[in-house]
Amino acid sequence: MAKEVVVTPTAAVNYENITDYLMVKWGISATNNFIDRFDQVLILLSESPGIFPFVDKAKQVQKCLLTKHNILYFTETADVVKILTIFDTRQDPQKLNTIF
């Protein structure tokens, strides 16, 4: 049974920032490619969230490589997958400590 995927406000802002950046710097094609990949990942998360590795087992945080520059972090409960953030891999990884 597929789980509901919930996007947190932080992840929604990250998504908007990424798509805005891609549109300005790389155009409609790159933006559409990102959106298509994001939609594919949402389906995977809904159907099989267990295939992705844990980053923090105590907090039950998992990660999914969205693109080579973006990692999606999420948690899973019995019926919901909650997207915490979309993190740019070129940032300081210490910033993740403030997110989860």
PDB file of N, CA and C in Angstrom:
ATOM      1  N   MET A   1       0.834  -1.173   0.000  1.00  0.00           N
ATOM      2  CA  MET A   1       0.000   0.000   0.000  1.00  0.00           C
ATOM      3  C   MET A   1       0.887   1.248   0.000  1.00  0.00           C
ATOM      4  N   ALA A   2       0.570   2.183  -0.850  1.00  0.00           N
ATOM      5  CA  ALA A   2       1.343   3.421  -0.960  1.00  0.00           C
ATOM      6  C   ALA A   2       1.070   4.334   0.233  1.00  0.00           C
ATOM      7  N   LYS A   3       2.117   4.996   0.673  1.00  0.00           N
ATOM      8  CA  LYS A   3       1.997   5.927   1.790  1.00  0.00           C
ATOM      9  C   LYS A   3       1.804   7.344   1.257  1.00  0.00           C
ATOM     10  N   GLU A   4       1.205   8.176   2.094  1.00  0.00           N
ATOM     11  CA  GLU A   4       1.061   9.583   1.754  1.00  0.00           C
ATOM     12  C   GLU A   4       2.424  10.256   1.917  1.00  0.00           C
ATOM     13  N   VAL A   5       2.771  11.142   0.994  1.00  0.00           N
ATOM     14  CA  VAL A   5       4.009  11.905   1.085  1.00  0.00           C
ATOM     15  C   VAL A   5       3.652  13.342   1.456  1.00  0.00           C
ATOM     16  N   VAL A   6       4.242  13.807   2.571  1.00  0.00           N
ATOM     17  CA  VAL A   6       3.981  15.160   3.072  1.00  0.00           C
ATOM     18  C   VAL A   6       5.263  15.973   2.930  1.00  0.00           C
ATOM     19  N   VAL A   7       5.137  17.144   2.332  1.00  0.00           N
ATOM     20  CA  VAL A   7       6.282  18.035   2.161  1.00  0.00           C
ATOM     21  C   VAL A   7       6.207  19.113   3.232  1.00  0.00           C
ATOM     22  N   THR A   8       7.242  19.203   4.069  1.00  0.00           N
ATOM     23  CA  THR A   8       7.267  20.224   5.121  1.00  0.00           C
ATOM     24  C   THR A   8       7.436  21.606   4.495  1.00  0.00           C
ATOM     25  N   PRO A   9       7.093  22.649   5.236  1.00  0.00           N
ATOM     26  CA  PRO A   9       7.293  24.009   4.716  1.00  0.00           C
ATOM     27  C   PRO A   9       8.751  24.283   4.329  1.00  0.00           C
ATOM     28  N   THR A  10       9.695  23.771   5.099  1.00  0.00           N
ATOM     29  CA  THR A  10      11.119  23.954   4.776  1.00  0.00           C
ATOM     30  C   THR A  10      11.451  23.319   3.429  1.00  0.00           C
ATOM     31  N   ALA A  11      10.982  22.095   3.209  1.00  0.00           N
ATOM     32  CA  ALA A  11      11.239  21.403   1.954  1.00  0.00           C
ATOM     33  C   ALA A  11      10.541  22.104   0.783  1.00  0.00           C
ATOM     34  N   ALA A  12       9.361  22.658   1.024  1.00  0.00           N
ATOM     35  CA  ALA A  12       8.642  23.383  -0.025  1.00  0.00           C
ATOM     36  C   ALA A  12       9.415  24.628  -0.449  1.00  0.00           C
ATOM     37  N   VAL A  13       9.981  25.335   0.523  1.00  0.00           N
ATOM     38  CA  VAL A  13      10.793  26.515   0.215  1.00  0.00           C
ATOM     39  C   VAL A  13      12.050  26.096  -0.550  1.00  0.00           C
ATOM     40  N   ASN A  14      12.689  25.003  -0.119  1.00  0.00           N
ATOM     41  CA  ASN A  14      13.867  24.496  -0.829  1.00  0.00           C
ATOM     42  C   ASN A  14      13.531  24.183  -2.279  1.00  0.00           C
ATOM     43  N   TYR A  15      12.401  23.516  -2.486  1.00  0.00           N
ATOM     44  CA  TYR A  15      11.955  23.142  -3.837  1.00  0.00           C
ATOM     45  C   TYR A  15      11.755  24.393  -4.692  1.00  0.00           C
ATOM     46  N   GLU A  16      11.077  25.385  -4.156  1.00  0.00           N
ATOM     47  CA  GLU A  16      10.834  26.633  -4.896  1.00  0.00           C
ATOM     48  C   GLU A  16      12.149  27.336  -5.231  1.00  0.00           C
ATOM     49  N   ASN A  17      13.060  27.391  -4.271  1.00  0.00           N
ATOM     50  CA  ASN A  17      14.356  28.036  -4.517  1.00  0.00           C
ATOM     51  C   ASN A  17      15.139  27.326  -5.617  1.00  0.00           C
ATOM     52  N   ILE A  18      15.116  26.010  -5.598  1.00  0.00           N
ATOM     53  CA  ILE A  18      15.840  25.234  -6.610  1.00  0.00           C
ATOM     54  C   ILE A  18      15.228  25.452  -7.988  1.00  0.00           C
ATOM     55  N   THR A  19      13.913  25.348  -8.086  1.00  0.00           N
ATOM     56  CA  THR A  19      13.278  25.529  -9.399  1.00  0.00           C
ATOM     57  C   THR A  19      13.455  26.953  -9.912  1.00  0.00           C
ATOM     58  N   ASP A  20      13.392  27.948  -9.031  1.00  0.00           N
ATOM     59  CA  ASP A  20      13.631  29.335  -9.448  1.00  0.00           C
ATOM     60  C   ASP A  20      15.056  29.508  -9.977  1.00  0.00           C
ATOM     61  N   TYR A  21      16.014  28.954  -9.236  1.00  0.00           N
ATOM     62  CA  TYR A  21      17.413  29.035  -9.647  1.00  0.00           C
ATOM     63  C   TYR A  21      17.623  28.358 -11.005  1.00  0.00           C
ATOM     64  N   LEU A  22      17.085  27.157 -11.150  1.00  0.00           N
ATOM     65  CA  LEU A  22      17.253  26.433 -12.407  1.00  0.00           C
ATOM     66  C   LEU A  22      16.642  27.188 -13.582  1.00  0.00           C
ATOM     67  N   MET A  23      15.493  27.797 -13.366  1.00  0.00           N
ATOM     68  CA  MET A  23      14.834  28.536 -14.436  1.00  0.00           C
ATOM     69  C   MET A  23      15.695  29.727 -14.878  1.00  0.00           C
ATOM     70  N   VAL A  24      16.238  30.445 -13.907  1.00  0.00           N
ATOM     71  CA  VAL A  24      17.044  31.633 -14.232  1.00  0.00           C
ATOM     72  C   VAL A  24      18.375  31.249 -14.878  1.00  0.00           C
ATOM     73  N   LYS A  25      19.067  30.268 -14.287  1.00  0.00           N
ATOM     74  CA  LYS A  25      20.426  29.939 -14.738  1.00  0.00           C
ATOM     75  C   LYS A  25      20.483  28.934 -15.891  1.00  0.00           C
ATOM     76  N   TRP A  26      19.537  27.989 -15.935  1.00  0.00           N
ATOM     77  CA  TRP A  26      19.645  26.891 -16.892  1.00  0.00           C
ATOM     78  C   TRP A  26      18.453  26.745 -17.830  1.00  0.00           C
ATOM     79  N   GLY A  27      17.346  27.441 -17.552  1.00  0.00           N
ATOM     80  CA  GLY A  27      16.217  27.431 -18.481  1.00  0.00           C
ATOM     81  C   GLY A  27      15.158  26.396 -18.174  1.00  0.00           C
ATOM     82  N   ILE A  28      14.168  26.375 -19.037  1.00  0.00           N
ATOM     83  CA  ILE A  28      12.979  25.543 -18.846  1.00  0.00           C
ATOM     84  C   ILE A  28      13.285  24.053 -18.900  1.00  0.00           C
ATOM     85  N   SER A  29      14.205  23.649 -19.756  1.00  0.00           N
ATOM     86  CA  SER A  29      14.513  22.223 -19.904  1.00  0.00           C
ATOM     87  C   SER A  29      15.102  21.642 -18.615  1.00  0.00           C
ATOM     88  N   ALA A  30      16.088  22.320 -18.044  1.00  0.00           N
ATOM     89  CA  ALA A  30      16.700  21.850 -16.796  1.00  0.00           C
ATOM     90  C   ALA A  30      15.690  21.871 -15.658  1.00  0.00           C
ATOM     91  N   THR A  31      14.851  22.889 -15.633  1.00  0.00           N
ATOM     92  CA  THR A  31      13.826  22.978 -14.590  1.00  0.00           C
ATOM     93  C   THR A  31      12.841  21.830 -14.708  1.00  0.00           C
ATOM     94  N   ASN A  32      12.392  21.559 -15.918  1.00  0.00           N
ATOM     95  CA  ASN A  32      11.456  20.448 -16.128  1.00  0.00           C
ATOM     96  C   ASN A  32      12.090  19.103 -15.793  1.00  0.00           C
ATOM     97  N   ASN A  33      13.376  18.941 -16.093  1.00  0.00           N
ATOM     98  CA  ASN A  33      14.073  17.699 -15.733  1.00  0.00           C
ATOM     99  C   ASN A  33      14.097  17.505 -14.221  1.00  0.00           C
ATOM    100  N   PHE A  34      14.362  18.590 -13.487  1.00  0.00           N
ATOM    101  CA  PHE A  34      14.361  18.516 -12.026  1.00  0.00           C
ATOM    102  C   PHE A  34      12.964  18.159 -11.507  1.00  0.00           C
ATOM    103  N   ILE A  35      11.944  18.818 -12.027  1.00  0.00           N
ATOM    104  CA  ILE A  35      10.566  18.557 -11.590  1.00  0.00           C
ATOM    105  C   ILE A  35      10.174  17.114 -11.879  1.00  0.00           C
ATOM    106  N   ASP A  36      10.542  16.610 -13.050  1.00  0.00           N
ATOM    107  CA  ASP A  36      10.243  15.214 -13.392  1.00  0.00           C
ATOM    108  C   ASP A  36      10.949  14.248 -12.441  1.00  0.00           C
ATOM    109  N   ARG A  37      12.207  14.526 -12.132  1.00  0.00           N
ATOM    110  CA  ARG A  37      12.957  13.669 -11.207  1.00  0.00           C
ATOM    111  C   ARG A  37      12.333  13.707  -9.815  1.00  0.00           C
ATOM    112  N   PHE A  38      11.937  14.895  -9.372  1.00  0.00           N
ATOM    113  CA  PHE A  38      11.293  15.037  -8.068  1.00  0.00           C
ATOM    114  C   PHE A  38      10.007  14.214  -8.020  1.00  0.00           C
ATOM    115  N   ASP A  39       9.206  14.294  -9.075  1.00  0.00           N
ATOM    116  CA  ASP A  39       7.965  13.517  -9.131  1.00  0.00           C
ATOM    117  C   ASP A  39       8.230  12.012  -9.101  1.00  0.00           C
ATOM    118  N   GLN A  40       9.277  11.565  -9.782  1.00  0.00           N
ATOM    119  CA  GLN A  40       9.647  10.150  -9.759  1.00  0.00           C
ATOM    120  C   GLN A  40      10.041   9.709  -8.359  1.00  0.00           C
ATOM    121  N   VAL A  41      10.802  10.545  -7.680  1.00  0.00           N
ATOM    122  CA  VAL A  41      11.247  10.233  -6.323  1.00  0.00           C
ATOM    123  C   VAL A  41      10.058  10.185  -5.375  1.00  0.00           C
ATOM    124  N   LEU A  42       9.085  11.079  -5.541  1.00  0.00           N
ATOM    125  CA  LEU A  42       7.886  11.045  -4.696  1.00  0.00           C
ATOM    126  C   LEU A  42       7.161   9.712  -4.831  1.00  0.00           C
ATOM    127  N   ILE A  43       7.096   9.184  -6.032  1.00  0.00           N
ATOM    128  CA  ILE A  43       6.461   7.877  -6.249  1.00  0.00           C
ATOM    129  C   ILE A  43       7.251   6.788  -5.537  1.00  0.00           C
ATOM    130  N   LEU A  44       8.578   6.815  -5.677  1.00  0.00           N
ATOM    131  CA  LEU A  44       9.424   5.830  -4.986  1.00  0.00           C
ATOM    132  C   LEU A  44       9.252   5.915  -3.473  1.00  0.00           C
ATOM    133  N   LEU A  45       9.239   7.134  -2.946  1.00  0.00           N
ATOM    134  CA  LEU A  45       9.062   7.309  -1.504  1.00  0.00           C
ATOM    135  C   LEU A  45       7.713   6.785  -1.044  1.00  0.00           C
ATOM    136  N   SER A  46       6.707   7.005  -1.831  1.00  0.00           N
ATOM    137  CA  SER A  46       5.369   6.556  -1.478  1.00  0.00           C
ATOM    138  C   SER A  46       5.268   5.030  -1.478  1.00  0.00           C
ATOM    139  N   GLU A  47       5.902   4.403  -2.445  1.00  0.00           N
ATOM    140  CA  GLU A  47       5.765   2.958  -2.614  1.00  0.00           C
ATOM    141  C   GLU A  47       6.819   2.144  -1.857  1.00  0.00           C
ATOM    142  N   SER A  48       8.052   2.661  -1.780  1.00  0.00           N
ATOM    143  CA  SER A  48       9.142   1.876  -1.189  1.00  0.00           C
ATOM    144  C   SER A  48      10.143   2.742  -0.431  1.00  0.00           C
ATOM    145  N   PRO A  49       9.738   3.407   0.617  1.00  0.00           N
ATOM    146  CA  PRO A  49      10.679   4.267   1.334  1.00  0.00           C
ATOM    147  C   PRO A  49      11.810   3.505   2.018  1.00  0.00           C
ATOM    148  N   GLY A  50      11.617   2.233   2.262  1.00  0.00           N
ATOM    149  CA  GLY A  50      12.621   1.433   2.941  1.00  0.00           C
ATOM    150  C   GLY A  50      13.868   1.147   2.127  1.00  0.00           C
ATOM    151  N   ILE A  51      13.852   1.449   0.836  1.00  0.00           N
ATOM    152  CA  ILE A  51      15.023   1.170  -0.004  1.00  0.00           C
ATOM    153  C   ILE A  51      16.131   2.207   0.174  1.00  0.00           C
ATOM    154  N   PHE A  52      15.829   3.306   0.858  1.00  0.00           N
ATOM    155  CA  PHE A  52      16.802   4.377   1.015  1.00  0.00           C
ATOM    156  C   PHE A  52      17.536   4.249   2.353  1.00  0.00           C
ATOM    157  N   PRO A  53      18.831   4.615   2.366  1.00  0.00           N
ATOM    158  CA  PRO A  53      19.641   4.431   3.581  1.00  0.00           C
ATOM    159  C   PRO A  53      19.312   5.437   4.683  1.00  0.00           C
ATOM    160  N   PHE A  54      19.604   5.020   5.908  1.00  0.00           N
ATOM    161  CA  PHE A  54      19.435   5.892   7.069  1.00  0.00           C
ATOM    162  C   PHE A  54      20.667   6.777   7.226  1.00  0.00           C
ATOM    163  N   VAL A  55      20.417   8.017   7.567  1.00  0.00           N
ATOM    164  CA  VAL A  55      21.475   8.962   7.895  1.00  0.00           C
ATOM    165  C   VAL A  55      21.629   9.002   9.403  1.00  0.00           C
ATOM    166  N   ASP A  56      20.508   8.960  10.091  1.00  0.00           N
ATOM    167  CA  ASP A  56      20.469   8.980  11.547  1.00  0.00           C
ATOM    168  C   ASP A  56      19.413   7.983  11.997  1.00  0.00           C
ATOM    169  N   LYS A  57      19.865   6.801  12.389  1.00  0.00           N
ATOM    170  CA  LYS A  57      18.909   5.749  12.777  1.00  0.00           C
ATOM    171  C   LYS A  57      18.119   6.115  14.022  1.00  0.00           C
ATOM    172  N   ALA A  58      18.721   6.810  14.954  1.00  0.00           N
ATOM    173  CA  ALA A  58      18.022   7.190  16.188  1.00  0.00           C
ATOM    174  C   ALA A  58      16.846   8.106  15.889  1.00  0.00           C
ATOM    175  N   LYS A  59      17.026   9.016  14.957  1.00  0.00           N
ATOM    176  CA  LYS A  59      15.960   9.951  14.593  1.00  0.00           C
ATOM    177  C   LYS A  59      15.134   9.450  13.406  1.00  0.00           C
ATOM    178  N   GLN A  60      15.504   8.285  12.868  1.00  0.00           N
ATOM    179  CA  GLN A  60      14.810   7.665  11.741  1.00  0.00           C
ATOM    180  C   GLN A  60      14.817   8.547  10.491  1.00  0.00           C
ATOM    181  N   VAL A  61      15.939   9.228  10.249  1.00  0.00           N
ATOM    182  CA  VAL A  61      16.077  10.090   9.075  1.00  0.00           C
ATOM    183  C   VAL A  61      16.780   9.312   7.974  1.00  0.00           C
ATOM    184  N   GLN A  62      16.174   9.325   6.799  1.00  0.00           N
ATOM    185  CA  GLN A  62      16.733   8.652   5.635  1.00  0.00           C
ATOM    186  C   GLN A  62      17.040   9.692   4.569  1.00  0.00           C
ATOM    187  N   LYS A  63      17.838   9.277   3.562  1.00  0.00           N
ATOM    188  CA  LYS A  63      18.165  10.202   2.488  1.00  0.00           C
ATOM    189  C   LYS A  63      17.960   9.544   1.136  1.00  0.00           C
ATOM    190  N   CYS A  64      17.726  10.403   0.156  1.00  0.00           N
ATOM    191  CA  CYS A  64      17.545   9.963  -1.223  1.00  0.00           C
ATOM    192  C   CYS A  64      18.284  10.944  -2.121  1.00  0.00           C
ATOM    193  N   LEU A  65      19.158  10.448  -2.958  1.00  0.00           N
ATOM    194  CA  LEU A  65      19.864  11.303  -3.898  1.00  0.00           C
ATOM    195  C   LEU A  65      18.875  11.735  -4.979  1.00  0.00           C
ATOM    196  N   LEU A  66      18.554  13.007  -4.985  1.00  0.00           N
ATOM    197  CA  LEU A  66      17.596  13.557  -5.942  1.00  0.00           C
ATOM    198  C   LEU A  66      18.301  13.886  -7.248  1.00  0.00           C
ATOM    199  N   THR A  67      19.368  14.650  -7.171  1.00  0.00           N
ATOM    200  CA  THR A  67      20.254  14.937  -8.305  1.00  0.00           C
ATOM    201  C   THR A  67      21.671  14.923  -7.736  1.00  0.00           C
ATOM    202  N   LYS A  68      22.657  15.123  -8.593  1.00  0.00           N
ATOM    203  CA  LYS A  68      24.023  15.117  -8.065  1.00  0.00           C
ATOM    204  C   LYS A  68      24.284  16.298  -7.143  1.00  0.00           C
ATOM    205  N   HIS A  69      23.423  17.309  -7.174  1.00  0.00           N
ATOM    206  CA  HIS A  69      23.598  18.478  -6.320  1.00  0.00           C
ATOM    207  C   HIS A  69      22.559  18.580  -5.202  1.00  0.00           C
ATOM    208  N   ASN A  70      21.600  17.648  -5.141  1.00  0.00           N
ATOM    209  CA  ASN A  70      20.515  17.754  -4.163  1.00  0.00           C
ATOM    210  C   ASN A  70      20.193  16.403  -3.534  1.00  0.00           C
ATOM    211  N   ILE A  71      20.144  16.404  -2.206  1.00  0.00           N
ATOM    212  CA  ILE A  71      19.757  15.221  -1.455  1.00  0.00           C
ATOM    213  C   ILE A  71      18.467  15.537  -0.713  1.00  0.00           C
ATOM    214  N   LEU A  72      17.534  14.635  -0.793  1.00  0.00           N
ATOM    215  CA  LEU A  72      16.244  14.774  -0.113  1.00  0.00           C
ATOM    216  C   LEU A  72      16.310  13.965   1.185  1.00  0.00           C
ATOM    217  N   TYR A  73      16.016  14.598   2.309  1.00  0.00           N
ATOM    218  CA  TYR A  73      16.002  13.930   3.609  1.00  0.00           C
ATOM    219  C   TYR A  73      14.559  13.768   4.064  1.00  0.00           C
ATOM    220  N   PHE A  74      14.241  12.583   4.620  1.00  0.00           N
ATOM    221  CA  PHE A  74      12.862  12.299   5.008  1.00  0.00           C
ATOM    222  C   PHE A  74      12.797  11.347   6.188  1.00  0.00           C
ATOM    223  N   THR A  75      11.623  11.311   6.805  1.00  0.00           N
ATOM    224  CA  THR A  75      11.325  10.327   7.841  1.00  0.00           C
ATOM    225  C   THR A  75      10.090   9.557   7.405  1.00  0.00           C
ATOM    226  N   GLU A  76       9.945   8.373   7.971  1.00  0.00           N
ATOM    227  CA  GLU A  76       8.830   7.494   7.609  1.00  0.00           C
ATOM    228  C   GLU A  76       8.112   7.029   8.868  1.00  0.00           C
ATOM    229  N   THR A  77       6.785   7.082   8.817  1.00  0.00           N
ATOM    230  CA  THR A  77       5.965   6.492   9.870  1.00  0.00           C
ATOM    231  C   THR A  77       5.140   5.378   9.238  1.00  0.00           C
ATOM    232  N   ALA A  78       4.202   4.845   9.987  1.00  0.00           N
ATOM    233  CA  ALA A  78       3.402   3.725   9.485  1.00  0.00           C
ATOM    234  C   ALA A  78       2.617   4.074   8.218  1.00  0.00           C
ATOM    235  N   ASP A  79       2.165   5.317   8.093  1.00  0.00           N
ATOM    236  CA  ASP A  79       1.337   5.660   6.943  1.00  0.00           C
ATOM    237  C   ASP A  79       1.747   6.924   6.204  1.00  0.00           C
ATOM    238  N   VAL A  80       2.830   7.594   6.653  1.00  0.00           N
ATOM    239  CA  VAL A  80       3.240   8.861   6.045  1.00  0.00           C
ATOM    240  C   VAL A  80       4.755   8.899   5.847  1.00  0.00           C
ATOM    241  N   VAL A  81       5.168   9.462   4.718  1.00  0.00           N
ATOM    242  CA  VAL A  81       6.563   9.797   4.475  1.00  0.00           C
ATOM    243  C   VAL A  81       6.634  11.314   4.497  1.00  0.00           C
ATOM    244  N   LYS A  82       7.471  11.838   5.385  1.00  0.00           N
ATOM    245  CA  LYS A  82       7.556  13.287   5.592  1.00  0.00           C
ATOM    246  C   LYS A  82       8.902  13.794   5.072  1.00  0.00           C
ATOM    247  N   ILE A  83       8.861  14.624   4.025  1.00  0.00           N
ATOM    248  CA  ILE A  83      10.076  15.191   3.458  1.00  0.00           C
ATOM    249  C   ILE A  83      10.501  16.361   4.332  1.00  0.00           C
ATOM    250  N   LEU A  84      11.693  16.260   4.912  1.00  0.00           N
ATOM    251  CA  LEU A  84      12.191  17.279   5.836  1.00  0.00           C
ATOM    252  C   LEU A  84      12.844  18.441   5.110  1.00  0.00           C
ATOM    253  N   THR A  85      13.698  18.132   4.145  1.00  0.00           N
ATOM    254  CA  THR A  85      14.424  19.179   3.427  1.00  0.00           C
ATOM    255  C   THR A  85      14.998  18.619   2.140  1.00  0.00           C
ATOM    256  N   ILE A  86      15.318  19.524   1.237  1.00  0.00           N
ATOM    257  CA  ILE A  86      16.103  19.200   0.048  1.00  0.00           C
ATOM    258  C   ILE A  86      17.391  19.990   0.211  1.00  0.00           C
ATOM    259  N   PHE A  87      18.494  19.287   0.363  1.00  0.00           N
ATOM    260  CA  PHE A  87      19.761  19.914   0.731  1.00  0.00           C
ATOM    261  C   PHE A  87      20.721  19.946  -0.446  1.00  0.00           C
ATOM    262  N   ASP A  88      21.274  21.106  -0.718  1.00  0.00           N
ATOM    263  CA  ASP A  88      22.272  21.267  -1.771  1.00  0.00           C
ATOM    264  C   ASP A  88      23.594  20.699  -1.267  1.00  0.00           C
ATOM    265  N   THR A  89      24.151  19.752  -1.981  1.00  0.00           N
ATOM    266  CA  THR A  89      25.364  19.060  -1.544  1.00  0.00           C
ATOM    267  C   THR A  89      26.594  19.952  -1.538  1.00  0.00           C
ATOM    268  N   ARG A  90      26.502  21.134  -2.135  1.00  0.00           N
ATOM    269  CA  ARG A  90      27.637  22.056  -2.161  1.00  0.00           C
ATOM    270  C   ARG A  90      27.688  22.942  -0.914  1.00  0.00           C
ATOM    271  N   GLN A  91      26.710  22.797  -0.025  1.00  0.00           N
ATOM    272  CA  GLN A  91      26.688  23.564   1.223  1.00  0.00           C
ATOM    273  C   GLN A  91      27.511  22.857   2.296  1.00  0.00           C
ATOM    274  N   ASP A  92      27.731  23.561   3.379  1.00  0.00           N
ATOM    275  CA  ASP A  92      28.414  22.994   4.530  1.00  0.00           C
ATOM    276  C   ASP A  92      27.509  21.941   5.167  1.00  0.00           C
ATOM    277  N   PRO A  93      27.939  20.701   5.265  1.00  0.00           N
ATOM    278  CA  PRO A  93      27.086  19.646   5.835  1.00  0.00           C
ATOM    279  C   PRO A  93      26.701  19.884   7.291  1.00  0.00           C
ATOM    280  N   GLN A  94      27.409  20.746   7.986  1.00  0.00           N
ATOM    281  CA  GLN A  94      27.061  21.052   9.372  1.00  0.00           C
ATOM    282  C   GLN A  94      25.704  21.726   9.467  1.00  0.00           C
ATOM    283  N   LYS A  95      25.241  22.342   8.385  1.00  0.00           N
ATOM    284  CA  LYS A  95      23.915  22.975   8.383  1.00  0.00           C
ATOM    285  C   LYS A  95      22.807  21.956   8.613  1.00  0.00           C
ATOM    286  N   LEU A  96      23.063  20.706   8.271  1.00  0.00           N
ATOM    287  CA  LEU A  96      22.058  19.660   8.452  1.00  0.00           C
ATOM    288  C   LEU A  96      21.741  19.433   9.928  1.00  0.00           C
ATOM    289  N   ASN A  97      22.686  19.692  10.808  1.00  0.00           N
ATOM    290  CA  ASN A  97      22.469  19.503  12.244  1.00  0.00           C
ATOM    291  C   ASN A  97      21.336  20.374  12.768  1.00  0.00           C
ATOM    292  N   THR A  98      21.108  21.511  12.138  1.00  0.00           N
ATOM    293  CA  THR A  98      20.025  22.406  12.579  1.00  0.00           C
ATOM    294  C   THR A  98      18.680  21.976  12.018  1.00  0.00           C
ATOM    295  N   ILE A  99      18.680  21.125  11.013  1.00  0.00           N
ATOM    296  CA  ILE A  99      17.436  20.697  10.370  1.00  0.00           C
ATOM    297  C   ILE A  99      16.834  19.490  11.079  1.00  0.00           C
ATOM    298  N   PHE A 100      17.688  18.522  11.405  1.00  0.00           N
ATOM    299  CA  PHE A 100      17.204  17.334  12.108  1.00  0.00           C
ATOM    300  C   PHE A 100      18.239  16.916  13.089  1.00  0.00           C
TER     301      PHE A 100
END
